[in-house]
Amino acid sequence: MEEAGVPRFLFVDFPLGNPMGKPGDLGMQQELCSLALDVLERAHAPRSTVQAPYGWGSDEWRANYMVVDDTNRVELAAAGATRRAEQQAAKTDGRARAD
């Protein structure tokens, strides 16, 4: 018998902001979505946790996560500008939802 309100959790060890995998990796994103739905359907015990079988590929992101200083400020600003331009292009092309 399934209990209502049983906490379920699919753990992905990715940088924050990437809960569904690497940007543009549709296969990984679909698999993670499928795994999450499986956990939702099959986890009947409290605190059910499943770890996703994916890694980010390198742990380099951990050491650099949230570091903004004079060594990377210009690079991060350029990356942000590129990301905003890509998002705007996706909206213009109809590949992303409008705000």
PDB file of N, CA and C in Angstrom:
ATOM      1  N   MET A   1       0.841  -1.188   0.000  1.00  0.00           N
ATOM      2  CA  MET A   1       0.000   0.000   0.000  1.00  0.00           C
ATOM      3  C   MET A   1       0.879   1.243   0.000  1.00  0.00           C
ATOM      4  N   GLU A   2       0.618   2.151  -0.900  1.00  0.00           N
ATOM      5  CA  GLU A   2       1.412   3.368  -1.012  1.00  0.00           C
ATOM      6  C   GLU A   2       0.945   4.387   0.019  1.00  0.00           C
ATOM      7  N   GLU A   3       1.929   4.984   0.700  1.00  0.00           N
ATOM      8  CA  GLU A   3       1.615   6.023   1.670  1.00  0.00           C
ATOM      9  C   GLU A   3       1.565   7.380   0.977  1.00  0.00           C
ATOM     10  N   ALA A   4       0.610   8.194   1.347  1.00  0.00           N
ATOM     11  CA  ALA A   4       0.538   9.552   0.792  1.00  0.00           C
ATOM     12  C   ALA A   4       1.621  10.402   1.427  1.00  0.00           C
ATOM     13  N   GLY A   5       2.208  11.268   0.649  1.00  0.00           N
ATOM     14  CA  GLY A   5       3.178  12.212   1.189  1.00  0.00           C
ATOM     15  C   GLY A   5       4.543  11.623   1.483  1.00  0.00           C
ATOM     16  N   VAL A   6       4.900  10.499   0.884  1.00  0.00           N
ATOM     17  CA  VAL A   6       6.206   9.904   1.124  1.00  0.00           C
ATOM     18  C   VAL A   6       7.265  10.714   0.378  1.00  0.00           C
ATOM     19  N   PRO A   7       8.267  11.256   1.102  1.00  0.00           N
ATOM     20  CA  PRO A   7       9.319  12.015   0.420  1.00  0.00           C
ATOM     21  C   PRO A   7      10.124  11.120  -0.520  1.00  0.00           C
ATOM     22  N   ARG A   8      10.368  11.614  -1.704  1.00  0.00           N
ATOM     23  CA  ARG A   8      11.141  10.880  -2.699  1.00  0.00           C
ATOM     24  C   ARG A   8      12.167  11.849  -3.260  1.00  0.00           C
ATOM     25  N   PHE A   9      13.345  11.325  -3.605  1.00  0.00           N
ATOM     26  CA  PHE A   9      14.419  12.217  -4.014  1.00  0.00           C
ATOM     27  C   PHE A   9      15.314  11.531  -5.027  1.00  0.00           C
ATOM     28  N   LEU A  10      15.520  12.175  -6.166  1.00  0.00           N
ATOM     29  CA  LEU A  10      16.508  11.717  -7.144  1.00  0.00           C
ATOM     30  C   LEU A  10      17.700  12.661  -7.020  1.00  0.00           C
ATOM     31  N   PHE A  11      18.828  12.136  -6.555  1.00  0.00           N
ATOM     32  CA  PHE A  11      20.016  12.949  -6.341  1.00  0.00           C
ATOM     33  C   PHE A  11      20.850  12.998  -7.611  1.00  0.00           C
ATOM     34  N   VAL A  12      21.153  14.205  -8.071  1.00  0.00           N
ATOM     35  CA  VAL A  12      22.062  14.416  -9.199  1.00  0.00           C
ATOM     36  C   VAL A  12      23.211  15.281  -8.697  1.00  0.00           C
ATOM     37  N   ASP A  13      24.428  14.817  -8.877  1.00  0.00           N
ATOM     38  CA  ASP A  13      25.607  15.524  -8.381  1.00  0.00           C
ATOM     39  C   ASP A  13      26.149  16.435  -9.474  1.00  0.00           C
ATOM     40  N   PHE A  14      25.383  17.494  -9.740  1.00  0.00           N
ATOM     41  CA  PHE A  14      25.720  18.460 -10.779  1.00  0.00           C
ATOM     42  C   PHE A  14      25.816  19.845 -10.159  1.00  0.00           C
ATOM     43  N   PRO A  15      26.469  20.765 -10.856  1.00  0.00           N
ATOM     44  CA  PRO A  15      26.494  22.149 -10.355  1.00  0.00           C
ATOM     45  C   PRO A  15      25.063  22.693 -10.228  1.00  0.00           C
ATOM     46  N   LEU A  16      24.853  23.526  -9.228  1.00  0.00           N
ATOM     47  CA  LEU A  16      23.527  24.121  -9.058  1.00  0.00           C
ATOM     48  C   LEU A  16      23.104  24.832 -10.331  1.00  0.00           C
ATOM     49  N   GLY A  17      21.823  24.751 -10.623  1.00  0.00           N
ATOM     50  CA  GLY A  17      21.301  25.354 -11.834  1.00  0.00           C
ATOM     51  C   GLY A  17      21.218  24.373 -12.984  1.00  0.00           C
ATOM     52  N   ASN A  18      21.666  23.146 -12.758  1.00  0.00           N
ATOM     53  CA  ASN A  18      21.660  22.114 -13.798  1.00  0.00           C
ATOM     54  C   ASN A  18      21.018  20.821 -13.286  1.00  0.00           C
ATOM     55  N   PRO A  19      19.834  20.889 -12.676  1.00  0.00           N
ATOM     56  CA  PRO A  19      19.246  19.696 -12.075  1.00  0.00           C
ATOM     57  C   PRO A  19      18.852  18.622 -13.072  1.00  0.00           C
ATOM     58  N   MET A  20      18.709  18.990 -14.334  1.00  0.00           N
ATOM     59  CA  MET A  20      18.303  18.011 -15.342  1.00  0.00           C
ATOM     60  C   MET A  20      19.432  17.659 -16.297  1.00  0.00           C
ATOM     61  N   GLY A  21      20.669  17.941 -15.901  1.00  0.00           N
ATOM     62  CA  GLY A  21      21.803  17.551 -16.716  1.00  0.00           C
ATOM     63  C   GLY A  21      22.450  18.694 -17.453  1.00  0.00           C
ATOM     64  N   LYS A  22      23.355  18.313 -18.344  1.00  0.00           N
ATOM     65  CA  LYS A  22      24.118  19.306 -19.094  1.00  0.00           C
ATOM     66  C   LYS A  22      23.230  19.994 -20.123  1.00  0.00           C
ATOM     67  N   PRO A  23      23.390  21.301 -20.261  1.00  0.00           N
ATOM     68  CA  PRO A  23      22.617  22.020 -21.279  1.00  0.00           C
ATOM     69  C   PRO A  23      22.852  21.417 -22.663  1.00  0.00           C
ATOM     70  N   GLY A  24      21.789  21.168 -23.382  1.00  0.00           N
ATOM     71  CA  GLY A  24      21.884  20.638 -24.738  1.00  0.00           C
ATOM     72  C   GLY A  24      22.006  19.133 -24.825  1.00  0.00           C
ATOM     73  N   ASP A  25      22.160  18.438 -23.690  1.00  0.00           N
ATOM     74  CA  ASP A  25      22.267  16.971 -23.709  1.00  0.00           C
ATOM     75  C   ASP A  25      20.874  16.371 -23.509  1.00  0.00           C
ATOM     76  N   LEU A  26      20.110  16.340 -24.593  1.00  0.00           N
ATOM     77  CA  LEU A  26      18.714  15.909 -24.531  1.00  0.00           C
ATOM     78  C   LEU A  26      18.573  14.479 -24.017  1.00  0.00           C
ATOM     79  N   GLY A  27      19.473  13.594 -24.421  1.00  0.00           N
ATOM     80  CA  GLY A  27      19.410  12.206 -23.971  1.00  0.00           C
ATOM     81  C   GLY A  27      19.528  12.090 -22.466  1.00  0.00           C
ATOM     82  N   MET A  28      20.498  12.795 -21.887  1.00  0.00           N
ATOM     83  CA  MET A  28      20.675  12.777 -20.429  1.00  0.00           C
ATOM     84  C   MET A  28      19.450  13.376 -19.744  1.00  0.00           C
ATOM     85  N   GLN A  29      18.947  14.474 -20.283  1.00  0.00           N
ATOM     86  CA  GLN A  29      17.799  15.139 -19.679  1.00  0.00           C
ATOM     87  C   GLN A  29      16.563  14.240 -19.694  1.00  0.00           C
ATOM     88  N   GLN A  30      16.344  13.548 -20.798  1.00  0.00           N
ATOM     89  CA  GLN A  30      15.196  12.635 -20.886  1.00  0.00           C
ATOM     90  C   GLN A  30      15.345  11.473 -19.909  1.00  0.00           C
ATOM     91  N   GLU A  31      16.560  10.927 -19.798  1.00  0.00           N
ATOM     92  CA  GLU A  31      16.796   9.823 -18.877  1.00  0.00           C
ATOM     93  C   GLU A  31      16.597  10.256 -17.430  1.00  0.00           C
ATOM     94  N   LEU A  32      17.075  11.450 -17.074  1.00  0.00           N
ATOM     95  CA  LEU A  32      16.888  11.939 -15.708  1.00  0.00           C
ATOM     96  C   LEU A  32      15.406  12.157 -15.399  1.00  0.00           C
ATOM     97  N   CYS A  33      14.662  12.659 -16.355  1.00  0.00           N
ATOM     98  CA  CYS A  33      13.225  12.848 -16.172  1.00  0.00           C
ATOM     99  C   CYS A  33      12.548  11.493 -15.959  1.00  0.00           C
ATOM    100  N   SER A  34      12.941  10.516 -16.763  1.00  0.00           N
ATOM    101  CA  SER A  34      12.386   9.168 -16.634  1.00  0.00           C
ATOM    102  C   SER A  34      12.727   8.559 -15.268  1.00  0.00           C
ATOM    103  N   LEU A  35      13.972   8.730 -14.830  1.00  0.00           N
ATOM    104  CA  LEU A  35      14.379   8.226 -13.518  1.00  0.00           C
ATOM    105  C   LEU A  35      13.569   8.886 -12.406  1.00  0.00           C
ATOM    106  N   ALA A  36      13.372  10.203 -12.502  1.00  0.00           N
ATOM    107  CA  ALA A  36      12.606  10.917 -11.479  1.00  0.00           C
ATOM    108  C   ALA A  36      11.169  10.391 -11.406  1.00  0.00           C
ATOM    109  N   LEU A  37      10.579  10.139 -12.561  1.00  0.00           N
ATOM    110  CA  LEU A  37       9.216   9.606 -12.569  1.00  0.00           C
ATOM    111  C   LEU A  37       9.174   8.182 -11.999  1.00  0.00           C
ATOM    112  N   ASP A  38      10.208   7.399 -12.269  1.00  0.00           N
ATOM    113  CA  ASP A  38      10.283   6.051 -11.690  1.00  0.00           C
ATOM    114  C   ASP A  38      10.365   6.111 -10.170  1.00  0.00           C
ATOM    115  N   VAL A  39      11.184   7.045  -9.651  1.00  0.00           N
ATOM    116  CA  VAL A  39      11.295   7.200  -8.200  1.00  0.00           C
ATOM    117  C   VAL A  39       9.947   7.606  -7.623  1.00  0.00           C
ATOM    118  N   LEU A  40       9.273   8.515  -8.289  1.00  0.00           N
ATOM    119  CA  LEU A  40       7.958   8.963  -7.828  1.00  0.00           C
ATOM    120  C   LEU A  40       6.967   7.804  -7.769  1.00  0.00           C
ATOM    121  N   GLU A  41       7.014   6.959  -8.770  1.00  0.00           N
ATOM    122  CA  GLU A  41       6.076   5.843  -8.855  1.00  0.00           C
ATOM    123  C   GLU A  41       6.417   4.696  -7.905  1.00  0.00           C
ATOM    124  N   ARG A  42       7.692   4.407  -7.718  1.00  0.00           N
ATOM    125  CA  ARG A  42       8.088   3.172  -7.033  1.00  0.00           C
ATOM    126  C   ARG A  42       8.570   3.337  -5.603  1.00  0.00           C
ATOM    127  N   ALA A  43       8.894   4.532  -5.186  1.00  0.00           N
ATOM    128  CA  ALA A  43       9.414   4.723  -3.835  1.00  0.00           C
ATOM    129  C   ALA A  43       8.253   4.768  -2.848  1.00  0.00           C
ATOM    130  N   HIS A  44       8.193   3.793  -1.980  1.00  0.00           N
ATOM    131  CA  HIS A  44       7.082   3.705  -1.033  1.00  0.00           C
ATOM    132  C   HIS A  44       7.517   3.939   0.410  1.00  0.00           C
ATOM    133  N   ALA A  45       8.821   3.926   0.662  1.00  0.00           N
ATOM    134  CA  ALA A  45       9.310   4.125   2.016  1.00  0.00           C
ATOM    135  C   ALA A  45       9.739   5.577   2.215  1.00  0.00           C
ATOM    136  N   PRO A  46       9.598   6.093   3.432  1.00  0.00           N
ATOM    137  CA  PRO A  46      10.047   7.452   3.715  1.00  0.00           C
ATOM    138  C   PRO A  46      11.527   7.627   3.391  1.00  0.00           C
ATOM    139  N   ARG A  47      11.874   8.822   2.972  1.00  0.00           N
ATOM    140  CA  ARG A  47      13.256   9.206   2.661  1.00  0.00           C
ATOM    141  C   ARG A  47      13.862   8.360   1.545  1.00  0.00           C
ATOM    142  N   SER A  48      13.059   7.929   0.620  1.00  0.00           N
ATOM    143  CA  SER A  48      13.568   7.159  -0.508  1.00  0.00           C
ATOM    144  C   SER A  48      14.450   8.057  -1.375  1.00  0.00           C
ATOM    145  N   THR A  49      15.699   7.644  -1.550  1.00  0.00           N
ATOM    146  CA  THR A  49      16.653   8.414  -2.344  1.00  0.00           C
ATOM    147  C   THR A  49      17.307   7.502  -3.362  1.00  0.00           C
ATOM    148  N   VAL A  50      17.368   7.972  -4.593  1.00  0.00           N
ATOM    149  CA  VAL A  50      18.048   7.260  -5.667  1.00  0.00           C
ATOM    150  C   VAL A  50      19.089   8.206  -6.237  1.00  0.00           C
ATOM    151  N   GLN A  51      20.308   7.702  -6.424  1.00  0.00           N
ATOM    152  CA  GLN A  51      21.354   8.536  -7.018  1.00  0.00           C
ATOM    153  C   GLN A  51      21.392   8.275  -8.518  1.00  0.00           C
ATOM    154  N   ALA A  52      21.347   9.349  -9.290  1.00  0.00           N
ATOM    155  CA  ALA A  52      21.404   9.244 -10.739  1.00  0.00           C
ATOM    156  C   ALA A  52      22.758   8.674 -11.160  1.00  0.00           C
ATOM    157  N   PRO A  53      22.777   7.864 -12.210  1.00  0.00           N
ATOM    158  CA  PRO A  53      24.022   7.226 -12.636  1.00  0.00           C
ATOM    159  C   PRO A  53      24.880   8.116 -13.538  1.00  0.00           C
ATOM    160  N   TYR A  54      24.728   9.414 -13.426  1.00  0.00           N
ATOM    161  CA  TYR A  54      25.465  10.346 -14.271  1.00  0.00           C
ATOM    162  C   TYR A  54      26.387  11.217 -13.425  1.00  0.00           C
ATOM    163  N   GLY A  55      27.479  11.612 -14.014  1.00  0.00           N
ATOM    164  CA  GLY A  55      28.377  12.580 -13.408  1.00  0.00           C
ATOM    165  C   GLY A  55      28.555  13.736 -14.369  1.00  0.00           C
ATOM    166  N   TRP A  56      29.092  14.830 -13.879  1.00  0.00           N
ATOM    167  CA  TRP A  56      29.284  16.010 -14.703  1.00  0.00           C
ATOM    168  C   TRP A  56      30.454  15.815 -15.662  1.00  0.00           C
ATOM    169  N   GLY A  57      31.303  14.841 -15.388  1.00  0.00           N
ATOM    170  CA  GLY A  57      32.441  14.559 -16.258  1.00  0.00           C
ATOM    171  C   GLY A  57      33.760  14.974 -15.633  1.00  0.00           C
ATOM    172  N   SER A  58      33.715  15.997 -14.823  1.00  0.00           N
ATOM    173  CA  SER A  58      34.903  16.505 -14.148  1.00  0.00           C
ATOM    174  C   SER A  58      34.448  17.160 -12.847  1.00  0.00           C
ATOM    175  N   ASP A  59      35.270  17.045 -11.828  1.00  0.00           N
ATOM    176  CA  ASP A  59      34.944  17.703 -10.561  1.00  0.00           C
ATOM    177  C   ASP A  59      35.532  19.103 -10.470  1.00  0.00           C
ATOM    178  N   GLU A  60      36.083  19.590 -11.575  1.00  0.00           N
ATOM    179  CA  GLU A  60      36.689  20.924 -11.601  1.00  0.00           C
ATOM    180  C   GLU A  60      35.680  21.999 -11.178  1.00  0.00           C
ATOM    181  N   TRP A  61      34.413  21.798 -11.512  1.00  0.00           N
ATOM    182  CA  TRP A  61      33.396  22.796 -11.188  1.00  0.00           C
ATOM    183  C   TRP A  61      33.287  23.038  -9.689  1.00  0.00           C
ATOM    184  N   ARG A  62      33.592  22.017  -8.886  1.00  0.00           N
ATOM    185  CA  ARG A  62      33.466  22.179  -7.429  1.00  0.00           C
ATOM    186  C   ARG A  62      34.427  23.248  -6.892  1.00  0.00           C
ATOM    187  N   ALA A  63      35.667  23.201  -7.330  1.00  0.00           N
ATOM    188  CA  ALA A  63      36.671  24.163  -6.855  1.00  0.00           C
ATOM    189  C   ALA A  63      36.374  25.569  -7.357  1.00  0.00           C
ATOM    190  N   ASN A  64      35.768  25.662  -8.527  1.00  0.00           N
ATOM    191  CA  ASN A  64      35.514  26.970  -9.133  1.00  0.00           C
ATOM    192  C   ASN A  64      34.105  27.494  -8.905  1.00  0.00           C
ATOM    193  N   TYR A  65      33.267  26.691  -8.265  1.00  0.00           N
ATOM    194  CA  TYR A  65      31.874  27.075  -8.108  1.00  0.00           C
ATOM    195  C   TYR A  65      31.748  28.348  -7.278  1.00  0.00           C
ATOM    196  N   MET A  66      31.070  29.318  -7.822  1.00  0.00           N
ATOM    197  CA  MET A  66      30.762  30.589  -7.160  1.00  0.00           C
ATOM    198  C   MET A  66      31.988  31.475  -6.944  1.00  0.00           C
ATOM    199  N   VAL A  67      33.102  31.198  -7.603  1.00  0.00           N
ATOM    200  CA  VAL A  67      34.277  32.037  -7.466  1.00  0.00           C
ATOM    201  C   VAL A  67      34.217  33.147  -8.515  1.00  0.00           C
ATOM    202  N   VAL A  68      34.162  34.364  -8.046  1.00  0.00           N
ATOM    203  CA  VAL A  68      34.232  35.536  -8.919  1.00  0.00           C
ATOM    204  C   VAL A  68      35.296  36.443  -8.313  1.00  0.00           C
ATOM    205  N   ASP A  69      36.365  36.621  -9.074  1.00  0.00           N
ATOM    206  CA  ASP A  69      37.434  37.506  -8.626  1.00  0.00           C
ATOM    207  C   ASP A  69      38.100  38.131  -9.845  1.00  0.00           C
ATOM    208  N   ASP A  70      39.179  38.831  -9.621  1.00  0.00           N
ATOM    209  CA  ASP A  70      39.841  39.541 -10.722  1.00  0.00           C
ATOM    210  C   ASP A  70      40.395  38.597 -11.785  1.00  0.00           C
ATOM    211  N   THR A  71      40.595  37.322 -11.445  1.00  0.00           N
ATOM    212  CA  THR A  71      41.143  36.384 -12.427  1.00  0.00           C
ATOM    213  C   THR A  71      40.109  35.914 -13.438  1.00  0.00           C
ATOM    214  N   ASN A  72      38.822  36.048 -13.122  1.00  0.00           N
ATOM    215  CA  ASN A  72      37.806  35.528 -14.041  1.00  0.00           C
ATOM    216  C   ASN A  72      36.639  36.478 -14.306  1.00  0.00           C
ATOM    217  N   ARG A  73      36.698  37.662 -13.768  1.00  0.00           N
ATOM    218  CA  ARG A  73      35.571  38.599 -13.883  1.00  0.00           C
ATOM    219  C   ARG A  73      35.217  38.913 -15.339  1.00  0.00           C
ATOM    220  N   VAL A  74      36.216  39.195 -16.173  1.00  0.00           N
ATOM    221  CA  VAL A  74      35.969  39.535 -17.582  1.00  0.00           C
ATOM    222  C   VAL A  74      35.411  38.314 -18.324  1.00  0.00           C
ATOM    223  N   GLU A  75      35.998  37.155 -18.073  1.00  0.00           N
ATOM    224  CA  GLU A  75      35.529  35.917 -18.717  1.00  0.00           C
ATOM    225  C   GLU A  75      34.082  35.613 -18.342  1.00  0.00           C
ATOM    226  N   LEU A  76      33.733  35.758 -17.061  1.00  0.00           N
ATOM    227  CA  LEU A  76      32.362  35.491 -16.619  1.00  0.00           C
ATOM    228  C   LEU A  76      31.375  36.491 -17.213  1.00  0.00           C
ATOM    229  N   ALA A  77      31.785  37.753 -17.306  1.00  0.00           N
ATOM    230  CA  ALA A  77      30.915  38.761 -17.914  1.00  0.00           C
ATOM    231  C   ALA A  77      30.666  38.439 -19.378  1.00  0.00           C
ATOM    232  N   ALA A  78      31.695  38.006 -20.080  1.00  0.00           N
ATOM    233  CA  ALA A  78      31.541  37.637 -21.493  1.00  0.00           C
ATOM    234  C   ALA A  78      30.654  36.404 -21.644  1.00  0.00           C
ATOM    235  N   ALA A  79      30.836  35.424 -20.760  1.00  0.00           N
ATOM    236  CA  ALA A  79      30.006  34.219 -20.809  1.00  0.00           C
ATOM    237  C   ALA A  79      28.544  34.562 -20.535  1.00  0.00           C
ATOM    238  N   GLY A  80      28.296  35.471 -19.603  1.00  0.00           N
ATOM    239  CA  GLY A  80      26.932  35.906 -19.316  1.00  0.00           C
ATOM    240  C   GLY A  80      26.303  36.613 -20.505  1.00  0.00           C
ATOM    241  N   ALA A  81      27.078  37.455 -21.163  1.00  0.00           N
ATOM    242  CA  ALA A  81      26.571  38.158 -22.342  1.00  0.00           C
ATOM    243  C   ALA A  81      26.247  37.175 -23.460  1.00  0.00           C
ATOM    244  N   THR A  82      27.108  36.183 -23.644  1.00  0.00           N
ATOM    245  CA  THR A  82      26.861  35.155 -24.664  1.00  0.00           C
ATOM    246  C   THR A  82      25.601  34.369 -24.331  1.00  0.00           C
ATOM    247  N   ARG A  83      25.442  33.990 -23.070  1.00  0.00           N
ATOM    248  CA  ARG A  83      24.260  33.229 -22.644  1.00  0.00           C
ATOM    249  C   ARG A  83      22.983  34.040 -22.866  1.00  0.00           C
ATOM    250  N   ARG A  84      23.004  35.313 -22.498  1.00  0.00           N
ATOM    251  CA  ARG A  84      21.817  36.148 -22.696  1.00  0.00           C
ATOM    252  C   ARG A  84      21.487  36.287 -24.178  1.00  0.00           C
ATOM    253  N   ALA A  85      22.507  36.409 -25.026  1.00  0.00           N
ATOM    254  CA  ALA A  85      22.284  36.501 -26.477  1.00  0.00           C
ATOM    255  C   ALA A  85      21.692  35.203 -27.018  1.00  0.00           C
ATOM    256  N   GLU A  86      22.186  34.055 -26.523  1.00  0.00           N
ATOM    257  CA  GLU A  86      21.645  32.759 -26.949  1.00  0.00           C
ATOM    258  C   GLU A  86      20.192  32.598 -26.514  1.00  0.00           C
ATOM    259  N   GLN A  87      19.883  33.029 -25.302  1.00  0.00           N
ATOM    260  CA  GLN A  87      18.508  32.946 -24.817  1.00  0.00           C
ATOM    261  C   GLN A  87      17.586  33.835 -25.656  1.00  0.00           C
ATOM    262  N   GLN A  88      18.045  35.028 -25.979  1.00  0.00           N
ATOM    263  CA  GLN A  88      17.236  35.924 -26.801  1.00  0.00           C
ATOM    264  C   GLN A  88      17.023  35.344 -28.189  1.00  0.00           C
ATOM    265  N   ALA A  89      18.069  34.762 -28.767  1.00  0.00           N
ATOM    266  CA  ALA A  89      17.946  34.128 -30.088  1.00  0.00           C
ATOM    267  C   ALA A  89      16.957  32.970 -30.039  1.00  0.00           C
ATOM    268  N   ALA A  90      16.989  32.188 -28.960  1.00  0.00           N
ATOM    269  CA  ALA A  90      16.055  31.066 -28.818  1.00  0.00           C
ATOM    270  C   ALA A  90      14.614  31.573 -28.739  1.00  0.00           C
ATOM    271  N   LYS A  91      14.389  32.660 -28.031  1.00  0.00           N
ATOM    272  CA  LYS A  91      13.049  33.237 -27.953  1.00  0.00           C
ATOM    273  C   LYS A  91      12.603  33.740 -29.317  1.00  0.00           C
ATOM    274  N   THR A  92      13.503  34.418 -29.992  1.00  0.00           N
ATOM    275  CA  THR A  92      13.191  34.967 -31.314  1.00  0.00           C
ATOM    276  C   THR A  92      12.863  33.855 -32.306  1.00  0.00           C
ATOM    277  N   ASP A  93      13.600  32.758 -32.238  1.00  0.00           N
ATOM    278  CA  ASP A  93      13.400  31.622 -33.140  1.00  0.00           C
ATOM    279  C   ASP A  93      12.245  30.712 -32.728  1.00  0.00           C
ATOM    280  N   GLY A  94      11.655  30.989 -31.572  1.00  0.00           N
ATOM    281  CA  GLY A  94      10.554  30.150 -31.101  1.00  0.00           C
ATOM    282  C   GLY A  94      11.013  28.880 -30.408  1.00  0.00           C
ATOM    283  N   ARG A  95      12.302  28.787 -30.034  1.00  0.00           N
ATOM    284  CA  ARG A  95      12.819  27.607 -29.362  1.00  0.00           C
ATOM    285  C   ARG A  95      12.682  27.676 -27.847  1.00  0.00           C
ATOM    286  N   ALA A  96      12.243  28.797 -27.334  1.00  0.00           N
ATOM    287  CA  ALA A  96      12.096  28.961 -25.892  1.00  0.00           C
ATOM    288  C   ALA A  96      10.797  29.696 -25.619  1.00  0.00           C
ATOM    289  N   ARG A  97      10.259  29.461 -24.435  1.00  0.00           N
ATOM    290  CA  ARG A  97       9.015  30.159 -24.107  1.00  0.00           C
ATOM    291  C   ARG A  97       9.297  31.619 -23.831  1.00  0.00           C
ATOM    292  N   ALA A  98       8.355  32.445 -24.127  1.00  0.00           N
ATOM    293  CA  ALA A  98       8.486  33.883 -23.877  1.00  0.00           C
ATOM    294  C   ALA A  98       8.169  34.165 -22.419  1.00  0.00           C
ATOM    295  N   ASP A  99       8.795  35.189 -21.876  1.00  0.00           N
ATOM    296  CA  ASP A  99       8.524  35.576 -20.474  1.00  0.00           C
ATOM    297  C   ASP A  99       7.136  36.154 -20.347  1.00  0.00           C
TER     298      ASP A  99
END
